[in-house]
Structure formats: structure tokens, C-alpha cells
Amino acid sequence: MLKVITVCGNGIGSSLMLKMKVEELARENGIAIDAESIDSNAAVGKDADLFVTVKEFADIFEKDQKVAITRSYMNKKKIKEDVLPILLEMSKNK
């Protein structure tokens, strides 16, 4: 099971919507994930297989942390295009 954390500025609305979309994509594609949504401050120092966020928050992560950058918190088509290939690849290696 992949640990996925979705990240936004406040950890309330946007990252929660993103978490729900990522969970839906994972479920539709048979990928087992444990997802959590948090704010950018709480994301620093957290451990996860994959962090999903927008480009504005990409630089808060360490170089060894896997980050998927999405163009939208809510548009399922964009999230699918940006995140699903990474989830599929990671699920093969788990």
C-alpha cells in the first residue's frame, strides 16, 4: 500500500478535494493507497511514498522525497494526467 499525502496551503479545502480525487483514481485503477491531506507546514518532515501538490509548494520537499505536481486540486482530468502515471509506476514497484 502506498502512503500518499496531498498538500495545500492551509490543509483544509484544496488538499482534501485533491485527496478525494487521488483516492478515486487509485480505486478505479486497482492501486492500494492510504491517503492523507495536510497543509504545507505540516508536510515538512512528514514521511510518505508520494506527495501530491501544485507547483507553488513543490520546493518545500527534500530532493529524496517523491513529489507529483498537478495542475489542479479539483479537475479530475488534469489530476489523472499528472498523477496517475506516477501512481501506476510506483504501484508496480511496491
N, C-alpha and C. Protein backbone atom coordinates (compact mmCIF):
# COMPACT_ATOMS: atom_id res chain seq x y z
N MET A 1 0.84 -1.18 0.00
CA MET A 1 0.00 0.00 0.00
C MET A 1 0.89 1.24 0.00
N LEU A 2 0.55 2.17 -0.88
CA LEU A 2 1.31 3.41 -0.98
C LEU A 2 0.75 4.46 -0.02
N LYS A 3 1.62 5.14 0.69
CA LYS A 3 1.23 6.25 1.55
C LYS A 3 1.31 7.52 0.70
N VAL A 4 0.17 8.18 0.50
CA VAL A 4 0.09 9.38 -0.33
C VAL A 4 -0.41 10.53 0.52
N ILE A 5 0.29 11.66 0.44
CA ILE A 5 -0.12 12.86 1.17
C ILE A 5 -0.37 13.97 0.17
N THR A 6 -1.57 14.56 0.24
CA THR A 6 -1.89 15.71 -0.60
C THR A 6 -1.67 16.98 0.21
N VAL A 7 -1.12 18.01 -0.46
CA VAL A 7 -0.66 19.20 0.26
C VAL A 7 -1.20 20.47 -0.39
N CYS A 8 -1.71 21.38 0.46
CA CYS A 8 -2.08 22.72 0.02
C CYS A 8 -1.64 23.72 1.09
N GLY A 9 -1.99 24.95 0.91
CA GLY A 9 -1.55 26.00 1.84
C GLY A 9 -2.09 25.86 3.24
N ASN A 10 -3.37 25.58 3.38
CA ASN A 10 -3.99 25.51 4.71
C ASN A 10 -4.38 24.11 5.15
N GLY A 11 -4.37 23.17 4.24
CA GLY A 11 -4.68 21.78 4.59
C GLY A 11 -6.15 21.53 4.87
N ILE A 12 -7.01 22.43 4.42
CA ILE A 12 -8.43 22.28 4.72
C ILE A 12 -9.21 21.87 3.48
N GLY A 13 -9.35 22.77 2.53
CA GLY A 13 -10.22 22.52 1.39
C GLY A 13 -9.54 21.90 0.19
N SER A 14 -8.54 22.57 -0.33
CA SER A 14 -7.93 22.13 -1.59
C SER A 14 -7.27 20.77 -1.48
N SER A 15 -6.49 20.56 -0.43
CA SER A 15 -5.81 19.27 -0.31
C SER A 15 -6.80 18.15 -0.02
N LEU A 16 -7.91 18.47 0.64
CA LEU A 16 -8.94 17.45 0.88
C LEU A 16 -9.62 17.06 -0.43
N MET A 17 -9.93 18.04 -1.27
CA MET A 17 -10.51 17.74 -2.59
C MET A 17 -9.54 16.91 -3.42
N LEU A 18 -8.27 17.29 -3.39
CA LEU A 18 -7.25 16.56 -4.13
C LEU A 18 -7.13 15.13 -3.60
N LYS A 19 -7.16 14.97 -2.30
CA LYS A 19 -7.09 13.64 -1.68
C LYS A 19 -8.23 12.76 -2.19
N MET A 20 -9.42 13.32 -2.23
CA MET A 20 -10.58 12.55 -2.68
C MET A 20 -10.44 12.15 -4.15
N LYS A 21 -9.92 13.04 -4.98
CA LYS A 21 -9.73 12.73 -6.40
C LYS A 21 -8.64 11.67 -6.59
N VAL A 22 -7.56 11.77 -5.83
CA VAL A 22 -6.48 10.79 -5.92
C VAL A 22 -6.96 9.42 -5.44
N GLU A 23 -7.73 9.39 -4.36
CA GLU A 23 -8.29 8.12 -3.88
C GLU A 23 -9.20 7.50 -4.93
N GLU A 24 -10.01 8.32 -5.58
CA GLU A 24 -10.91 7.84 -6.62
C GLU A 24 -10.13 7.25 -7.80
N LEU A 25 -9.09 7.96 -8.24
CA LEU A 25 -8.25 7.46 -9.33
C LEU A 25 -7.57 6.14 -8.95
N ALA A 26 -7.06 6.08 -7.74
CA ALA A 26 -6.39 4.86 -7.28
C ALA A 26 -7.38 3.69 -7.26
N ARG A 27 -8.55 3.93 -6.72
CA ARG A 27 -9.58 2.89 -6.63
C ARG A 27 -9.96 2.40 -8.03
N GLU A 28 -10.18 3.33 -8.96
CA GLU A 28 -10.56 2.98 -10.33
C GLU A 28 -9.49 2.17 -11.06
N ASN A 29 -8.24 2.31 -10.60
CA ASN A 29 -7.13 1.64 -11.27
C ASN A 29 -6.52 0.53 -10.44
N GLY A 30 -7.20 0.12 -9.37
CA GLY A 30 -6.75 -1.00 -8.56
C GLY A 30 -5.45 -0.76 -7.81
N ILE A 31 -5.21 0.48 -7.43
CA ILE A 31 -3.99 0.82 -6.69
C ILE A 31 -4.36 1.05 -5.23
N ALA A 32 -3.72 0.32 -4.34
CA ALA A 32 -3.99 0.46 -2.91
C ALA A 32 -3.19 1.63 -2.34
N ILE A 33 -3.92 2.64 -1.83
CA ILE A 33 -3.24 3.77 -1.21
C ILE A 33 -3.86 4.07 0.14
N ASP A 34 -3.06 4.69 0.99
CA ASP A 34 -3.51 5.27 2.24
C ASP A 34 -3.25 6.76 2.09
N ALA A 35 -4.31 7.56 1.94
CA ALA A 35 -4.15 8.98 1.64
C ALA A 35 -4.48 9.86 2.84
N GLU A 36 -3.77 11.00 2.89
CA GLU A 36 -3.96 11.98 3.95
C GLU A 36 -3.81 13.36 3.31
N SER A 37 -4.55 14.33 3.81
CA SER A 37 -4.41 15.70 3.32
C SER A 37 -3.91 16.59 4.46
N ILE A 38 -2.91 17.42 4.15
CA ILE A 38 -2.32 18.29 5.18
C ILE A 38 -1.90 19.62 4.57
N ASP A 39 -1.54 20.55 5.44
CA ASP A 39 -1.06 21.85 4.97
C ASP A 39 0.44 21.79 4.71
N SER A 40 0.93 22.80 4.02
CA SER A 40 2.33 22.80 3.60
C SER A 40 3.30 22.81 4.77
N ASN A 41 2.96 23.48 5.86
CA ASN A 41 3.86 23.48 7.03
C ASN A 41 3.96 22.09 7.66
N ALA A 42 2.84 21.40 7.75
CA ALA A 42 2.82 20.06 8.34
C ALA A 42 3.51 19.04 7.43
N ALA A 43 3.55 19.33 6.14
CA ALA A 43 4.15 18.39 5.18
C ALA A 43 5.66 18.29 5.36
N VAL A 44 6.26 19.37 5.81
CA VAL A 44 7.71 19.37 6.02
C VAL A 44 8.05 18.38 7.13
N GLY A 45 8.88 17.43 6.82
CA GLY A 45 9.28 16.43 7.79
C GLY A 45 8.39 15.19 7.83
N LYS A 46 7.28 15.20 7.09
CA LYS A 46 6.42 14.02 7.03
C LYS A 46 7.05 12.96 6.14
N ASP A 47 6.67 11.72 6.38
CA ASP A 47 7.16 10.62 5.58
C ASP A 47 6.00 10.04 4.77
N ALA A 48 6.23 9.88 3.47
CA ALA A 48 5.22 9.29 2.59
C ALA A 48 5.91 8.74 1.35
N ASP A 49 5.23 7.83 0.68
CA ASP A 49 5.76 7.33 -0.59
C ASP A 49 5.64 8.40 -1.67
N LEU A 50 4.55 9.20 -1.59
CA LEU A 50 4.31 10.21 -2.61
C LEU A 50 3.57 11.40 -2.01
N PHE A 51 4.06 12.59 -2.33
CA PHE A 51 3.37 13.83 -2.00
C PHE A 51 2.77 14.36 -3.29
N VAL A 52 1.53 14.83 -3.23
CA VAL A 52 0.86 15.39 -4.40
C VAL A 52 0.48 16.82 -4.07
N THR A 53 0.91 17.75 -4.93
CA THR A 53 0.65 19.16 -4.68
C THR A 53 0.75 19.94 -5.98
N VAL A 54 0.57 21.25 -5.90
CA VAL A 54 0.74 22.13 -7.05
C VAL A 54 2.15 22.70 -7.03
N LYS A 55 2.57 23.28 -8.14
CA LYS A 55 3.97 23.73 -8.28
C LYS A 55 4.38 24.75 -7.23
N GLU A 56 3.43 25.53 -6.71
CA GLU A 56 3.77 26.54 -5.71
C GLU A 56 4.35 25.95 -4.43
N PHE A 57 4.06 24.70 -4.15
CA PHE A 57 4.55 24.07 -2.92
C PHE A 57 5.63 23.02 -3.18
N ALA A 58 6.02 22.83 -4.41
CA ALA A 58 6.97 21.77 -4.75
C ALA A 58 8.33 21.95 -4.08
N ASP A 59 8.73 23.19 -3.85
CA ASP A 59 10.07 23.44 -3.31
C ASP A 59 10.19 23.22 -1.80
N ILE A 60 9.12 22.86 -1.11
CA ILE A 60 9.21 22.61 0.33
C ILE A 60 9.73 21.21 0.64
N PHE A 61 9.79 20.37 -0.37
CA PHE A 61 10.18 18.97 -0.15
C PHE A 61 11.67 18.76 -0.38
N GLU A 62 12.20 17.75 0.30
CA GLU A 62 13.60 17.38 0.14
C GLU A 62 13.78 16.71 -1.22
N LYS A 63 14.98 16.71 -1.72
CA LYS A 63 15.25 16.14 -3.04
C LYS A 63 14.97 14.64 -3.12
N ASP A 64 15.08 13.94 -1.99
CA ASP A 64 14.85 12.49 -1.99
C ASP A 64 13.37 12.12 -1.80
N GLN A 65 12.50 13.11 -1.62
CA GLN A 65 11.08 12.83 -1.48
C GLN A 65 10.42 12.83 -2.86
N LYS A 66 9.54 11.87 -3.10
CA LYS A 66 8.84 11.75 -4.38
C LYS A 66 7.64 12.69 -4.36
N VAL A 67 7.60 13.60 -5.34
CA VAL A 67 6.54 14.60 -5.40
C VAL A 67 5.91 14.56 -6.79
N ALA A 68 4.59 14.50 -6.83
CA ALA A 68 3.84 14.61 -8.07
C ALA A 68 3.22 16.00 -8.11
N ILE A 69 3.53 16.74 -9.15
CA ILE A 69 2.99 18.08 -9.31
C ILE A 69 1.76 17.99 -10.20
N THR A 70 0.65 18.52 -9.71
CA THR A 70 -0.58 18.54 -10.51
C THR A 70 -0.95 19.98 -10.84
N ARG A 71 -1.65 20.15 -11.93
CA ARG A 71 -2.06 21.48 -12.37
C ARG A 71 -3.36 21.93 -11.72
N SER A 72 -4.00 21.04 -10.98
CA SER A 72 -5.30 21.38 -10.39
C SER A 72 -5.53 20.58 -9.12
N TYR A 73 -6.21 21.20 -8.16
CA TYR A 73 -6.63 20.50 -6.96
C TYR A 73 -7.95 19.75 -7.19
N MET A 74 -8.72 20.17 -8.20
CA MET A 74 -10.07 19.64 -8.34
C MET A 74 -10.41 19.05 -9.70
N ASN A 75 -9.72 19.41 -10.74
CA ASN A 75 -10.04 18.93 -12.08
C ASN A 75 -9.52 17.51 -12.25
N LYS A 76 -10.44 16.54 -12.25
CA LYS A 76 -10.05 15.13 -12.28
C LYS A 76 -9.22 14.78 -13.51
N LYS A 77 -9.56 15.35 -14.65
CA LYS A 77 -8.82 15.05 -15.88
C LYS A 77 -7.35 15.47 -15.75
N LYS A 78 -7.11 16.67 -15.25
CA LYS A 78 -5.73 17.15 -15.07
C LYS A 78 -4.99 16.34 -14.01
N ILE A 79 -5.69 16.03 -12.92
CA ILE A 79 -5.06 15.22 -11.86
C ILE A 79 -4.71 13.84 -12.41
N LYS A 80 -5.61 13.27 -13.18
CA LYS A 80 -5.35 11.96 -13.77
C LYS A 80 -4.12 12.01 -14.68
N GLU A 81 -4.05 13.02 -15.52
CA GLU A 81 -2.91 13.16 -16.43
C GLU A 81 -1.60 13.36 -15.68
N ASP A 82 -1.64 14.11 -14.58
CA ASP A 82 -0.43 14.46 -13.84
C ASP A 82 0.00 13.40 -12.83
N VAL A 83 -0.95 12.74 -12.20
CA VAL A 83 -0.64 11.88 -11.05
C VAL A 83 -0.75 10.39 -11.35
N LEU A 84 -1.72 9.99 -12.14
CA LEU A 84 -1.94 8.56 -12.36
C LEU A 84 -0.72 7.83 -12.91
N PRO A 85 0.00 8.36 -13.89
CA PRO A 85 1.19 7.63 -14.37
C PRO A 85 2.21 7.35 -13.25
N ILE A 86 2.35 8.29 -12.34
CA ILE A 86 3.29 8.11 -11.22
C ILE A 86 2.77 7.05 -10.26
N LEU A 87 1.48 7.10 -9.95
CA LEU A 87 0.89 6.07 -9.07
C LEU A 87 1.02 4.68 -9.68
N LEU A 88 0.75 4.57 -10.97
CA LEU A 88 0.85 3.27 -11.64
C LEU A 88 2.28 2.75 -11.58
N GLU A 89 3.25 3.60 -11.85
CA GLU A 89 4.65 3.19 -11.82
C GLU A 89 5.07 2.78 -10.40
N MET A 90 4.67 3.58 -9.42
CA MET A 90 5.03 3.27 -8.04
C MET A 90 4.38 1.98 -7.56
N SER A 91 3.14 1.73 -7.99
CA SER A 91 2.44 0.53 -7.54
C SER A 91 3.09 -0.74 -8.10
N LYS A 92 3.73 -0.64 -9.24
CA LYS A 92 4.45 -1.79 -9.82
C LYS A 92 5.67 -2.14 -8.99
N ASN A 93 6.27 -1.13 -8.36
CA ASN A 93 7.50 -1.33 -7.60
C ASN A 93 7.25 -1.67 -6.13
N LYS A 94 6.00 -1.68 -5.71
CA LYS A 94 5.69 -1.99 -4.30
C LYS A 94 5.44 -3.46 -4.10
